[in-house]
PDB file of N, CA and C in Angstrom:
ATOM      1  N   MET A   1      37.621   8.431  24.540  1.00  0.00           N
ATOM      2  CA  MET A   1      37.066   9.427  23.640  1.00  0.00           C
ATOM      3  C   MET A   1      37.380  10.797  24.224  1.00  0.00           C
ATOM      4  N   SER A   2      37.876  11.714  23.396  1.00  0.00           N
ATOM      5  CA  SER A   2      38.198  13.052  23.887  1.00  0.00           C
ATOM      6  C   SER A   2      36.923  13.786  24.261  1.00  0.00           C
ATOM      7  N   SER A   3      37.052  14.787  25.119  1.00  0.00           N
ATOM      8  CA  SER A   3      35.865  15.533  25.566  1.00  0.00           C
ATOM      9  C   SER A   3      35.238  16.305  24.404  1.00  0.00           C
ATOM     10  N   GLN A   4      36.038  16.784  23.454  1.00  0.00           N
ATOM     11  CA  GLN A   4      35.477  17.495  22.293  1.00  0.00           C
ATOM     12  C   GLN A   4      34.674  16.541  21.414  1.00  0.00           C
ATOM     13  N   LEU A   5      35.201  15.359  21.197  1.00  0.00           N
ATOM     14  CA  LEU A   5      34.512  14.362  20.383  1.00  0.00           C
ATOM     15  C   LEU A   5      33.236  13.902  21.073  1.00  0.00           C
ATOM     16  N   LEU A   6      33.300  13.727  22.386  1.00  0.00           N
ATOM     17  CA  LEU A   6      32.123  13.327  23.148  1.00  0.00           C
ATOM     18  C   LEU A   6      31.055  14.411  23.073  1.00  0.00           C
ATOM     19  N   THR A   7      31.459  15.672  23.188  1.00  0.00           N
ATOM     20  CA  THR A   7      30.509  16.791  23.092  1.00  0.00           C
ATOM     21  C   THR A   7      29.874  16.833  21.712  1.00  0.00           C
ATOM     22  N   LEU A   8      30.660  16.648  20.674  1.00  0.00           N
ATOM     23  CA  LEU A   8      30.137  16.641  19.310  1.00  0.00           C
ATOM     24  C   LEU A   8      29.150  15.486  19.131  1.00  0.00           C
ATOM     25  N   PHE A   9      29.496  14.323  19.647  1.00  0.00           N
ATOM     26  CA  PHE A   9      28.604  13.169  19.561  1.00  0.00           C
ATOM     27  C   PHE A   9      27.280  13.451  20.270  1.00  0.00           C
ATOM     28  N   LEU A  10      27.334  14.018  21.452  1.00  0.00           N
ATOM     29  CA  LEU A  10      26.118  14.320  22.206  1.00  0.00           C
ATOM     30  C   LEU A  10      25.269  15.360  21.487  1.00  0.00           C
ATOM     31  N   LEU A  11      25.897  16.354  20.899  1.00  0.00           N
ATOM     32  CA  LEU A  11      25.155  17.377  20.148  1.00  0.00           C
ATOM     33  C   LEU A  11      24.473  16.769  18.930  1.00  0.00           C
ATOM     34  N   LEU A  12      25.183  15.916  18.209  1.00  0.00           N
ATOM     35  CA  LEU A  12      24.601  15.278  17.034  1.00  0.00           C
ATOM     36  C   LEU A  12      23.486  14.316  17.419  1.00  0.00           C
ATOM     37  N   SER A  13      23.622  13.683  18.565  1.00  0.00           N
ATOM     38  CA  SER A  13      22.599  12.753  19.021  1.00  0.00           C
ATOM     39  C   SER A  13      21.311  13.468  19.398  1.00  0.00           C
ATOM     40  N   ALA A  14      21.420  14.710  19.800  1.00  0.00           N
ATOM     41  CA  ALA A  14      20.255  15.468  20.256  1.00  0.00           C
ATOM     42  C   ALA A  14      19.474  16.092  19.106  1.00  0.00           C
ATOM     43  N   VAL A  15      20.061  16.106  17.919  1.00  0.00           N
ATOM     44  CA  VAL A  15      19.386  16.708  16.769  1.00  0.00           C
ATOM     45  C   VAL A  15      18.203  15.836  16.366  1.00  0.00           C
ATOM     46  N   ALA A  16      17.068  16.465  16.227  1.00  0.00           N
ATOM     47  CA  ALA A  16      15.884  15.715  15.811  1.00  0.00           C
ATOM     48  C   ALA A  16      15.978  15.430  14.320  1.00  0.00           C
ATOM     49  N   ILE A  17      15.923  14.172  13.975  1.00  0.00           N
ATOM     50  CA  ILE A  17      15.984  13.760  12.579  1.00  0.00           C
ATOM     51  C   ILE A  17      14.610  13.218  12.222  1.00  0.00           C
ATOM     52  N   PRO A  18      13.986  13.776  11.192  1.00  0.00           N
ATOM     53  CA  PRO A  18      12.656  13.283  10.837  1.00  0.00           C
ATOM     54  C   PRO A  18      12.706  11.814  10.436  1.00  0.00           C
ATOM     55  N   VAL A  19      11.696  11.092  10.845  1.00  0.00           N
ATOM     56  CA  VAL A  19      11.611   9.675  10.519  1.00  0.00           C
ATOM     57  C   VAL A  19      10.872   9.537   9.195  1.00  0.00           C
ATOM     58  N   VAL A  20      11.515   8.906   8.258  1.00  0.00           N
ATOM     59  CA  VAL A  20      10.910   8.685   6.950  1.00  0.00           C
ATOM     60  C   VAL A  20      10.394   7.256   6.938  1.00  0.00           C
ATOM     61  N   THR A  21       9.139   7.108   6.674  1.00  0.00           N
ATOM     62  CA  THR A  21       8.561   5.776   6.650  1.00  0.00           C
ATOM     63  C   THR A  21       8.535   5.245   5.225  1.00  0.00           C
ATOM     64  N   SER A  22       8.779   3.963   5.107  1.00  0.00           N
ATOM     65  CA  SER A  22       8.722   3.355   3.782  1.00  0.00           C
ATOM     66  C   SER A  22       7.385   2.643   3.595  1.00  0.00           C
ATOM     67  N   ARG A  23       6.478   2.849   4.533  1.00  0.00           N
ATOM     68  CA  ARG A  23       5.177   2.203   4.433  1.00  0.00           C
ATOM     69  C   ARG A  23       4.308   2.986   3.462  1.00  0.00           C
ATOM     70  N   GLN A  24       3.937   2.331   2.409  1.00  0.00           N
ATOM     71  CA  GLN A  24       3.014   2.935   1.456  1.00  0.00           C
ATOM     72  C   GLN A  24       2.179   1.836   0.827  1.00  0.00           C
ATOM     73  N   TRP A  25       1.023   2.238   0.394  1.00  0.00           N
ATOM     74  CA  TRP A  25       0.060   1.309  -0.168  1.00  0.00           C
ATOM     75  C   TRP A  25      -0.362   1.799  -1.537  1.00  0.00           C
ATOM     76  N   CYS A  26      -0.680   0.873  -2.412  1.00  0.00           N
ATOM     77  CA  CYS A  26      -1.174   1.181  -3.750  1.00  0.00           C
ATOM     78  C   CYS A  26      -2.689   1.105  -3.714  1.00  0.00           C
ATOM     79  N   MET A  27      -3.342   2.146  -4.135  1.00  0.00           N
ATOM     80  CA  MET A  27      -4.797   2.211  -4.097  1.00  0.00           C
ATOM     81  C   MET A  27      -5.328   2.595  -5.474  1.00  0.00           C
ATOM     82  N   ALA A  28      -6.582   2.261  -5.703  1.00  0.00           N
ATOM     83  CA  ALA A  28      -7.249   2.633  -6.948  1.00  0.00           C
ATOM     84  C   ALA A  28      -7.627   4.109  -6.906  1.00  0.00           C
ATOM     85  N   MET A  29      -7.498   4.758  -8.040  1.00  0.00           N
ATOM     86  CA  MET A  29      -7.907   6.160  -8.152  1.00  0.00           C
ATOM     87  C   MET A  29      -9.435   6.230  -8.128  1.00  0.00           C
ATOM     88  N   PRO A  30      -9.982   7.149  -7.346  1.00  0.00           N
ATOM     89  CA  PRO A  30     -11.443   7.263  -7.262  1.00  0.00           C
ATOM     90  C   PRO A  30     -12.127   7.586  -8.587  1.00  0.00           C
ATOM     91  N   ASN A  31     -11.388   8.162  -9.534  1.00  0.00           N
ATOM     92  CA  ASN A  31     -11.986   8.520 -10.819  1.00  0.00           C
ATOM     93  C   ASN A  31     -11.872   7.422 -11.868  1.00  0.00           C
ATOM     94  N   ALA A  32     -11.353   6.252 -11.486  1.00  0.00           N
ATOM     95  CA  ALA A  32     -11.260   5.123 -12.426  1.00  0.00           C
ATOM     96  C   ALA A  32     -12.670   4.618 -12.732  1.00  0.00           C
ATOM     97  N   THR A  33     -12.857   4.153 -13.938  1.00  0.00           N
ATOM     98  CA  THR A  33     -14.173   3.633 -14.326  1.00  0.00           C
ATOM     99  C   THR A  33     -14.378   2.237 -13.730  1.00  0.00           C
ATOM    100  N   GLY A  34     -15.616   1.814 -13.698  1.00  0.00           N
ATOM    101  CA  GLY A  34     -15.922   0.470 -13.237  1.00  0.00           C
ATOM    102  C   GLY A  34     -15.220  -0.586 -14.065  1.00  0.00           C
ATOM    103  N   GLU A  35     -15.132  -0.361 -15.364  1.00  0.00           N
ATOM    104  CA  GLU A  35     -14.450  -1.314 -16.239  1.00  0.00           C
ATOM    105  C   GLU A  35     -12.963  -1.387 -15.904  1.00  0.00           C
ATOM    106  N   GLN A  36     -12.341  -0.247 -15.660  1.00  0.00           N
ATOM    107  CA  GLN A  36     -10.928  -0.241 -15.300  1.00  0.00           C
ATOM    108  C   GLN A  36     -10.705  -0.949 -13.966  1.00  0.00           C
ATOM    109  N   LEU A  37     -11.560  -0.676 -12.994  1.00  0.00           N
ATOM    110  CA  LEU A  37     -11.409  -1.293 -11.682  1.00  0.00           C
ATOM    111  C   LEU A  37     -11.558  -2.800 -11.769  1.00  0.00           C
ATOM    112  N   GLN A  38     -12.554  -3.275 -12.523  1.00  0.00           N
ATOM    113  CA  GLN A  38     -12.747  -4.717 -12.679  1.00  0.00           C
ATOM    114  C   GLN A  38     -11.566  -5.344 -13.395  1.00  0.00           C
ATOM    115  N   ALA A  39     -11.038  -4.658 -14.410  1.00  0.00           N
ATOM    116  CA  ALA A  39      -9.867  -5.173 -15.118  1.00  0.00           C
ATOM    117  C   ALA A  39      -8.667  -5.258 -14.169  1.00  0.00           C
ATOM    118  N   ASN A  40      -8.522  -4.281 -13.278  1.00  0.00           N
ATOM    119  CA  ASN A  40      -7.419  -4.303 -12.311  1.00  0.00           C
ATOM    120  C   ASN A  40      -7.569  -5.481 -11.348  1.00  0.00           C
ATOM    121  N   ILE A  41      -8.788  -5.730 -10.889  1.00  0.00           N
ATOM    122  CA  ILE A  41      -9.040  -6.873 -10.008  1.00  0.00           C
ATOM    123  C   ILE A  41      -8.707  -8.174 -10.746  1.00  0.00           C
ATOM    124  N   ASP A  42      -9.222  -8.301 -11.956  1.00  0.00           N
ATOM    125  CA  ASP A  42      -8.992  -9.522 -12.733  1.00  0.00           C
ATOM    126  C   ASP A  42      -7.502  -9.760 -12.961  1.00  0.00           C
ATOM    127  N   TYR A  43      -6.790  -8.704 -13.320  1.00  0.00           N
ATOM    128  CA  TYR A  43      -5.356  -8.846 -13.583  1.00  0.00           C
ATOM    129  C   TYR A  43      -4.601  -9.207 -12.305  1.00  0.00           C
ATOM    130  N   ALA A  44      -4.787  -8.424 -11.253  1.00  0.00           N
ATOM    131  CA  ALA A  44      -4.041  -8.659 -10.014  1.00  0.00           C
ATOM    132  C   ALA A  44      -4.310 -10.060  -9.475  1.00  0.00           C
ATOM    133  N   CYS A  45      -5.563 -10.468  -9.483  1.00  0.00           N
ATOM    134  CA  CYS A  45      -5.926 -11.771  -8.920  1.00  0.00           C
ATOM    135  C   CYS A  45      -5.447 -12.937  -9.780  1.00  0.00           C
ATOM    136  N   SER A  46      -5.078 -12.668 -11.031  1.00  0.00           N
ATOM    137  CA  SER A  46      -4.546 -13.726 -11.898  1.00  0.00           C
ATOM    138  C   SER A  46      -3.031 -13.843 -11.790  1.00  0.00           C
ATOM    139  N   GLN A  47      -2.416 -13.020 -10.955  1.00  0.00           N
ATOM    140  CA  GLN A  47      -0.956 -12.973 -10.858  1.00  0.00           C
ATOM    141  C   GLN A  47      -0.436 -13.509  -9.520  1.00  0.00           C
ATOM    142  N   ASN A  48      -1.011 -14.598  -9.057  1.00  0.00           N
ATOM    143  CA  ASN A  48      -0.597 -15.225  -7.794  1.00  0.00           C
ATOM    144  C   ASN A  48      -0.763 -14.312  -6.592  1.00  0.00           C
ATOM    145  N   VAL A  49      -1.797 -13.478  -6.625  1.00  0.00           N
ATOM    146  CA  VAL A  49      -2.132 -12.611  -5.504  1.00  0.00           C
ATOM    147  C   VAL A  49      -3.320 -13.242  -4.782  1.00  0.00           C
ATOM    148  N   ASP A  50      -3.264 -13.250  -3.463  1.00  0.00           N
ATOM    149  CA  ASP A  50      -4.359 -13.819  -2.677  1.00  0.00           C
ATOM    150  C   ASP A  50      -5.526 -12.837  -2.630  1.00  0.00           C
ATOM    151  N   CYS A  51      -6.547 -13.130  -3.397  1.00  0.00           N
ATOM    152  CA  CYS A  51      -7.727 -12.271  -3.447  1.00  0.00           C
ATOM    153  C   CYS A  51      -8.899 -12.844  -2.655  1.00  0.00           C
ATOM    154  N   THR A  52      -8.654 -13.893  -1.874  1.00  0.00           N
ATOM    155  CA  THR A  52      -9.755 -14.451  -1.080  1.00  0.00           C
ATOM    156  C   THR A  52     -10.348 -13.447  -0.087  1.00  0.00           C
ATOM    157  N   PRO A  53      -9.582 -12.485   0.443  1.00  0.00           N
ATOM    158  CA  PRO A  53     -10.198 -11.525   1.364  1.00  0.00           C
ATOM    159  C   PRO A  53     -11.313 -10.682   0.733  1.00  0.00           C
ATOM    160  N   ILE A  54     -11.314 -10.519  -0.594  1.00  0.00           N
ATOM    161  CA  ILE A  54     -12.369  -9.695  -1.215  1.00  0.00           C
ATOM    162  C   ILE A  54     -13.496 -10.544  -1.790  1.00  0.00           C
ATOM    163  N   GLN A  55     -13.449 -11.847  -1.540  1.00  0.00           N
ATOM    164  CA  GLN A  55     -14.534 -12.739  -1.961  1.00  0.00           C
ATOM    165  C   GLN A  55     -15.639 -12.708  -0.898  1.00  0.00           C
ATOM    166  N   PRO A  56     -16.876 -13.066  -1.263  1.00  0.00           N
ATOM    167  CA  PRO A  56     -17.962 -13.086  -0.266  1.00  0.00           C
ATOM    168  C   PRO A  56     -17.550 -13.872   0.983  1.00  0.00           C
ATOM    169  N   GLY A  57     -17.756 -13.253   2.134  1.00  0.00           N
ATOM    170  CA  GLY A  57     -17.367 -13.856   3.402  1.00  0.00           C
ATOM    171  C   GLY A  57     -15.938 -13.557   3.811  1.00  0.00           C
ATOM    172  N   GLY A  58     -15.158 -12.949   2.906  1.00  0.00           N
ATOM    173  CA  GLY A  58     -13.763 -12.618   3.209  1.00  0.00           C
ATOM    174  C   GLY A  58     -13.654 -11.404   4.111  1.00  0.00           C
ATOM    175  N   THR A  59     -12.495 -11.236   4.703  1.00  0.00           N
ATOM    176  CA  THR A  59     -12.280 -10.149   5.665  1.00  0.00           C
ATOM    177  C   THR A  59     -12.340  -8.756   5.034  1.00  0.00           C
ATOM    178  N   CYS A  60     -12.200  -8.666   3.724  1.00  0.00           N
ATOM    179  CA  CYS A  60     -12.245  -7.374   3.045  1.00  0.00           C
ATOM    180  C   CYS A  60     -13.379  -7.293   2.025  1.00  0.00           C
ATOM    181  N   TYR A  61     -14.357  -8.177   2.155  1.00  0.00           N
ATOM    182  CA  TYR A  61     -15.487  -8.146   1.215  1.00  0.00           C
ATOM    183  C   TYR A  61     -16.331  -6.885   1.408  1.00  0.00           C
ATOM    184  N   GLU A  62     -16.514  -6.470   2.646  1.00  0.00           N
ATOM    185  CA  GLU A  62     -17.257  -5.239   2.933  1.00  0.00           C
ATOM    186  C   GLU A  62     -16.270  -4.107   3.134  1.00  0.00           C
ATOM    187  N   PRO A  63     -16.481  -2.927   2.621  1.00  0.00           N
ATOM    188  CA  PRO A  63     -17.620  -2.591   1.768  1.00  0.00           C
ATOM    189  C   PRO A  63     -17.493  -3.239   0.397  1.00  0.00           C
ATOM    190  N   ASN A  64     -18.604  -3.698  -0.098  1.00  0.00           N
ATOM    191  CA  ASN A  64     -18.656  -4.418  -1.367  1.00  0.00           C
ATOM    192  C   ASN A  64     -18.757  -3.425  -2.526  1.00  0.00           C
ATOM    193  N   THR A  65     -17.624  -2.773  -2.818  1.00  0.00           N
ATOM    194  CA  THR A  65     -17.564  -1.832  -3.942  1.00  0.00           C
ATOM    195  C   THR A  65     -16.380  -2.202  -4.824  1.00  0.00           C
ATOM    196  N   LEU A  66     -16.492  -1.874  -6.091  1.00  0.00           N
ATOM    197  CA  LEU A  66     -15.370  -2.122  -7.007  1.00  0.00           C
ATOM    198  C   LEU A  66     -14.137  -1.346  -6.570  1.00  0.00           C
ATOM    199  N   LEU A  67     -14.324  -0.112  -6.116  1.00  0.00           N
ATOM    200  CA  LEU A  67     -13.186   0.712  -5.700  1.00  0.00           C
ATOM    201  C   LEU A  67     -12.436   0.054  -4.542  1.00  0.00           C
ATOM    202  N   ASP A  68     -13.167  -0.404  -3.533  1.00  0.00           N
ATOM    203  CA  ASP A  68     -12.513  -1.028  -2.382  1.00  0.00           C
ATOM    204  C   ASP A  68     -11.859  -2.354  -2.755  1.00  0.00           C
ATOM    205  N   HIS A  69     -12.551  -3.171  -3.533  1.00  0.00           N
ATOM    206  CA  HIS A  69     -11.984  -4.464  -3.929  1.00  0.00           C
ATOM    207  C   HIS A  69     -10.764  -4.269  -4.829  1.00  0.00           C
ATOM    208  N   ALA A  70     -10.859  -3.334  -5.758  1.00  0.00           N
ATOM    209  CA  ALA A  70      -9.715  -3.068  -6.643  1.00  0.00           C
ATOM    210  C   ALA A  70      -8.529  -2.556  -5.836  1.00  0.00           C
ATOM    211  N   SER A  71      -8.774  -1.681  -4.892  1.00  0.00           N
ATOM    212  CA  SER A  71      -7.678  -1.156  -4.070  1.00  0.00           C
ATOM    213  C   SER A  71      -6.974  -2.280  -3.326  1.00  0.00           C
ATOM    214  N   PHE A  72      -7.747  -3.189  -2.745  1.00  0.00           N
ATOM    215  CA  PHE A  72      -7.129  -4.299  -2.030  1.00  0.00           C
ATOM    216  C   PHE A  72      -6.293  -5.157  -2.981  1.00  0.00           C
ATOM    217  N   ALA A  73      -6.866  -5.527  -4.115  1.00  0.00           N
ATOM    218  CA  ALA A  73      -6.156  -6.383  -5.075  1.00  0.00           C
ATOM    219  C   ALA A  73      -4.926  -5.675  -5.643  1.00  0.00           C
ATOM    220  N   MET A  74      -5.060  -4.408  -5.969  1.00  0.00           N
ATOM    221  CA  MET A  74      -3.932  -3.659  -6.519  1.00  0.00           C
ATOM    222  C   MET A  74      -2.798  -3.552  -5.502  1.00  0.00           C
ATOM    223  N   ASN A  75      -3.146  -3.307  -4.244  1.00  0.00           N
ATOM    224  CA  ASN A  75      -2.122  -3.215  -3.217  1.00  0.00           C
ATOM    225  C   ASN A  75      -1.447  -4.572  -3.003  1.00  0.00           C
ATOM    226  N   ALA A  76      -2.230  -5.639  -2.999  1.00  0.00           N
ATOM    227  CA  ALA A  76      -1.644  -6.973  -2.836  1.00  0.00           C
ATOM    228  C   ALA A  76      -0.669  -7.265  -3.976  1.00  0.00           C
ATOM    229  N   TYR A  77      -1.040  -6.879  -5.190  1.00  0.00           N
ATOM    230  CA  TYR A  77      -0.153  -7.057  -6.345  1.00  0.00           C
ATOM    231  C   TYR A  77       1.123  -6.230  -6.165  1.00  0.00           C
ATOM    232  N   TYR A  78       0.958  -4.964  -5.834  1.00  0.00           N
ATOM    233  CA  TYR A  78       2.098  -4.059  -5.634  1.00  0.00           C
ATOM    234  C   TYR A  78       3.057  -4.605  -4.568  1.00  0.00           C
ATOM    235  N   GLN A  79       2.513  -5.003  -3.433  1.00  0.00           N
ATOM    236  CA  GLN A  79       3.358  -5.485  -2.341  1.00  0.00           C
ATOM    237  C   GLN A  79       4.076  -6.780  -2.720  1.00  0.00           C
ATOM    238  N   SER A  80       3.392  -7.657  -3.463  1.00  0.00           N
ATOM    239  CA  SER A  80       3.990  -8.950  -3.802  1.00  0.00           C
ATOM    240  C   SER A  80       4.910  -8.894  -5.022  1.00  0.00           C
ATOM    241  N   HIS A  81       4.956  -7.762  -5.675  1.00  0.00           N
ATOM    242  CA  HIS A  81       5.811  -7.617  -6.856  1.00  0.00           C
ATOM    243  C   HIS A  81       6.917  -6.592  -6.624  1.00  0.00           C
ATOM    244  N   GLY A  82       7.483  -6.630  -5.439  1.00  0.00           N
ATOM    245  CA  GLY A  82       8.684  -5.858  -5.154  1.00  0.00           C
ATOM    246  C   GLY A  82       8.475  -4.408  -4.778  1.00  0.00           C
ATOM    247  N   ARG A  83       7.243  -3.991  -4.621  1.00  0.00           N
ATOM    248  CA  ARG A  83       6.945  -2.609  -4.241  1.00  0.00           C
ATOM    249  C   ARG A  83       7.626  -1.596  -5.168  1.00  0.00           C
ATOM    250  N   ILE A  84       7.698  -1.939  -6.435  1.00  0.00           N
ATOM    251  CA  ILE A  84       8.269  -0.999  -7.390  1.00  0.00           C
ATOM    252  C   ILE A  84       7.141  -0.136  -7.964  1.00  0.00           C
ATOM    253  N   GLU A  85       7.486   1.051  -8.353  1.00  0.00           N
ATOM    254  CA  GLU A  85       6.486   2.009  -8.833  1.00  0.00           C
ATOM    255  C   GLU A  85       5.643   1.442  -9.971  1.00  0.00           C
ATOM    256  N   ASP A  86       6.274   0.739 -10.892  1.00  0.00           N
ATOM    257  CA  ASP A  86       5.538   0.182 -12.029  1.00  0.00           C
ATOM    258  C   ASP A  86       4.449  -0.799 -11.607  1.00  0.00           C
ATOM    259  N   ALA A  87       4.596  -1.412 -10.437  1.00  0.00           N
ATOM    260  CA  ALA A  87       3.611  -2.389  -9.970  1.00  0.00           C
ATOM    261  C   ALA A  87       2.351  -1.719  -9.422  1.00  0.00           C
ATOM    262  N   CYS A  88       2.313  -0.386  -9.462  1.00  0.00           N
ATOM    263  CA  CYS A  88       1.110   0.329  -9.025  1.00  0.00           C
ATOM    264  C   CYS A  88       0.556   1.227 -10.126  1.00  0.00           C
ATOM    265  N   ARG A  89       0.998   1.062 -11.327  1.00  0.00           N
ATOM    266  CA  ARG A  89       0.519   1.923 -12.418  1.00  0.00           C
ATOM    267  C   ARG A  89      -0.911   1.577 -12.831  1.00  0.00           C
ATOM    268  N   PHE A  90      -1.148   0.338 -13.174  1.00  0.00           N
ATOM    269  CA  PHE A  90      -2.472  -0.120 -13.591  1.00  0.00           C
ATOM    270  C   PHE A  90      -3.116   0.867 -14.572  1.00  0.00           C
ATOM    271  N   GLY A  91      -2.385   1.153 -15.626  1.00  0.00           N
ATOM    272  CA  GLY A  91      -2.911   2.052 -16.658  1.00  0.00           C
ATOM    273  C   GLY A  91      -3.305   3.422 -16.127  1.00  0.00           C
ATOM    274  N   ARG A  92      -2.498   3.940 -15.227  1.00  0.00           N
ATOM    275  CA  ARG A  92      -2.718   5.251 -14.601  1.00  0.00           C
ATOM    276  C   ARG A  92      -3.950   5.301 -13.693  1.00  0.00           C
ATOM    277  N   THR A  93      -4.364   4.149 -13.173  1.00  0.00           N
ATOM    278  CA  THR A  93      -5.501   4.140 -12.254  1.00  0.00           C
ATOM    279  C   THR A  93      -5.073   3.799 -10.833  1.00  0.00           C
ATOM    280  N   GLY A  94      -3.767   3.698 -10.598  1.00  0.00           N
ATOM    281  CA  GLY A  94      -3.254   3.446  -9.255  1.00  0.00           C
ATOM    282  C   GLY A  94      -2.548   4.666  -8.705  1.00  0.00           C
ATOM    283  N   CYS A  95      -2.588   4.812  -7.402  1.00  0.00           N
ATOM    284  CA  CYS A  95      -1.875   5.903  -6.737  1.00  0.00           C
ATOM    285  C   CYS A  95      -1.380   5.395  -5.387  1.00  0.00           C
ATOM    286  N   PHE A  96      -0.445   6.113  -4.808  1.00  0.00           N
ATOM    287  CA  PHE A  96       0.109   5.734  -3.521  1.00  0.00           C
ATOM    288  C   PHE A  96      -0.549   6.529  -2.406  1.00  0.00           C
ATOM    289  N   VAL A  97      -0.764   5.852  -1.278  1.00  0.00           N
ATOM    290  CA  VAL A  97      -1.201   6.517  -0.054  1.00  0.00           C
ATOM    291  C   VAL A  97      -0.212   6.136   1.036  1.00  0.00           C
ATOM    292  N   PHE A  98      -0.102   6.979   2.038  1.00  0.00           N
ATOM    293  CA  PHE A  98       0.882   6.780   3.090  1.00  0.00           C
ATOM    294  C   PHE A  98       0.222   6.633   4.456  1.00  0.00           C
ATOM    295  N   ILE A  99      -1.089   6.518   4.454  1.00  0.00           N
ATOM    296  CA  ILE A  99      -1.851   6.233   5.668  1.00  0.00           C
ATOM    297  C   ILE A  99      -2.484   4.867   5.461  1.00  0.00           C
ATOM    298  N   ASP A 100      -2.294   4.005   6.427  1.00  0.00           N
ATOM    299  CA  ASP A 100      -2.752   2.625   6.332  1.00  0.00           C
ATOM    300  C   ASP A 100      -4.258   2.570   6.048  1.00  0.00           C
ATOM    301  N   PRO A 101      -4.657   1.986   4.910  1.00  0.00           N
ATOM    302  CA  PRO A 101      -6.074   1.902   4.570  1.00  0.00           C
ATOM    303  C   PRO A 101      -6.807   0.731   5.229  1.00  0.00           C
ATOM    304  N   SER A 102      -6.085  -0.065   6.035  1.00  0.00           N
ATOM    305  CA  SER A 102      -6.720  -1.191   6.727  1.00  0.00           C
ATOM    306  C   SER A 102      -7.888  -0.696   7.556  1.00  0.00           C
ATOM    307  N   ASN A 103      -8.901  -1.553   7.664  1.00  0.00           N
ATOM    308  CA  ASN A 103     -10.105  -1.175   8.398  1.00  0.00           C
ATOM    309  C   ASN A 103     -10.665  -2.405   9.090  1.00  0.00           C
ATOM    310  N   GLY A 104     -10.701  -2.381  10.407  1.00  0.00           N
ATOM    311  CA  GLY A 104     -11.206  -3.522  11.158  1.00  0.00           C
ATOM    312  C   GLY A 104     -10.399  -4.775  10.861  1.00  0.00           C
ATOM    313  N   SER A 105     -11.089  -5.829  10.426  1.00  0.00           N
ATOM    314  CA  SER A 105     -10.398  -7.085  10.146  1.00  0.00           C
ATOM    315  C   SER A 105      -9.798  -7.121   8.740  1.00  0.00           C
ATOM    316  N   CYS A 106     -10.030  -6.082   7.959  1.00  0.00           N
ATOM    317  CA  CYS A 106      -9.444  -5.992   6.615  1.00  0.00           C
ATOM    318  C   CYS A 106      -8.056  -5.346   6.722  1.00  0.00           C
ATOM    319  N   ILE A 107      -7.050  -6.164   6.597  1.00  0.00           N
ATOM    320  CA  ILE A 107      -5.664  -5.703   6.740  1.00  0.00           C
ATOM    321  C   ILE A 107      -5.010  -5.650   5.363  1.00  0.00           C
ATOM    322  N   TYR A 108      -4.531  -4.463   5.002  1.00  0.00           N
ATOM    323  CA  TYR A 108      -3.791  -4.281   3.752  1.00  0.00           C
ATOM    324  C   TYR A 108      -2.333  -4.647   3.979  1.00  0.00           C
ATOM    325  N   TYR A 109      -1.785  -5.455   3.089  1.00  0.00           N
ATOM    326  CA  TYR A 109      -0.408  -5.906   3.202  1.00  0.00           C
ATOM    327  C   TYR A 109       0.557  -4.740   3.056  1.00  0.00           C
ATOM    328  N   THR A 110       1.692  -4.864   3.743  1.00  0.00           N
ATOM    329  CA  THR A 110       2.797  -3.905   3.571  1.00  0.00           C
ATOM    330  C   THR A 110       4.070  -4.658   3.338  1.00  0.00           C
TER     331      THR A 110
END
């Protein structure tokens, strides 16, 4: 390798390149109604999504709120359906977050 090419390579290697993460989760919008959240849970859980973690005694049962349960189910649906944008729409009640919402033993799929 020529010294000019080596110098160029070293200079390019030293440039800080921001790391773009592809980790994102689908969550329920806080302003969704209880009826919308329950419908999202019912739909997601009927589509071959493992919703046992949000059942009583499950790792994501607590906190026992519709918002938390819907978020878990919606994210499980989104992750298992190719992580495409349409899989997080849920009638405009889904949104993306980029900080892992997992908490304790409740692990959100990625």
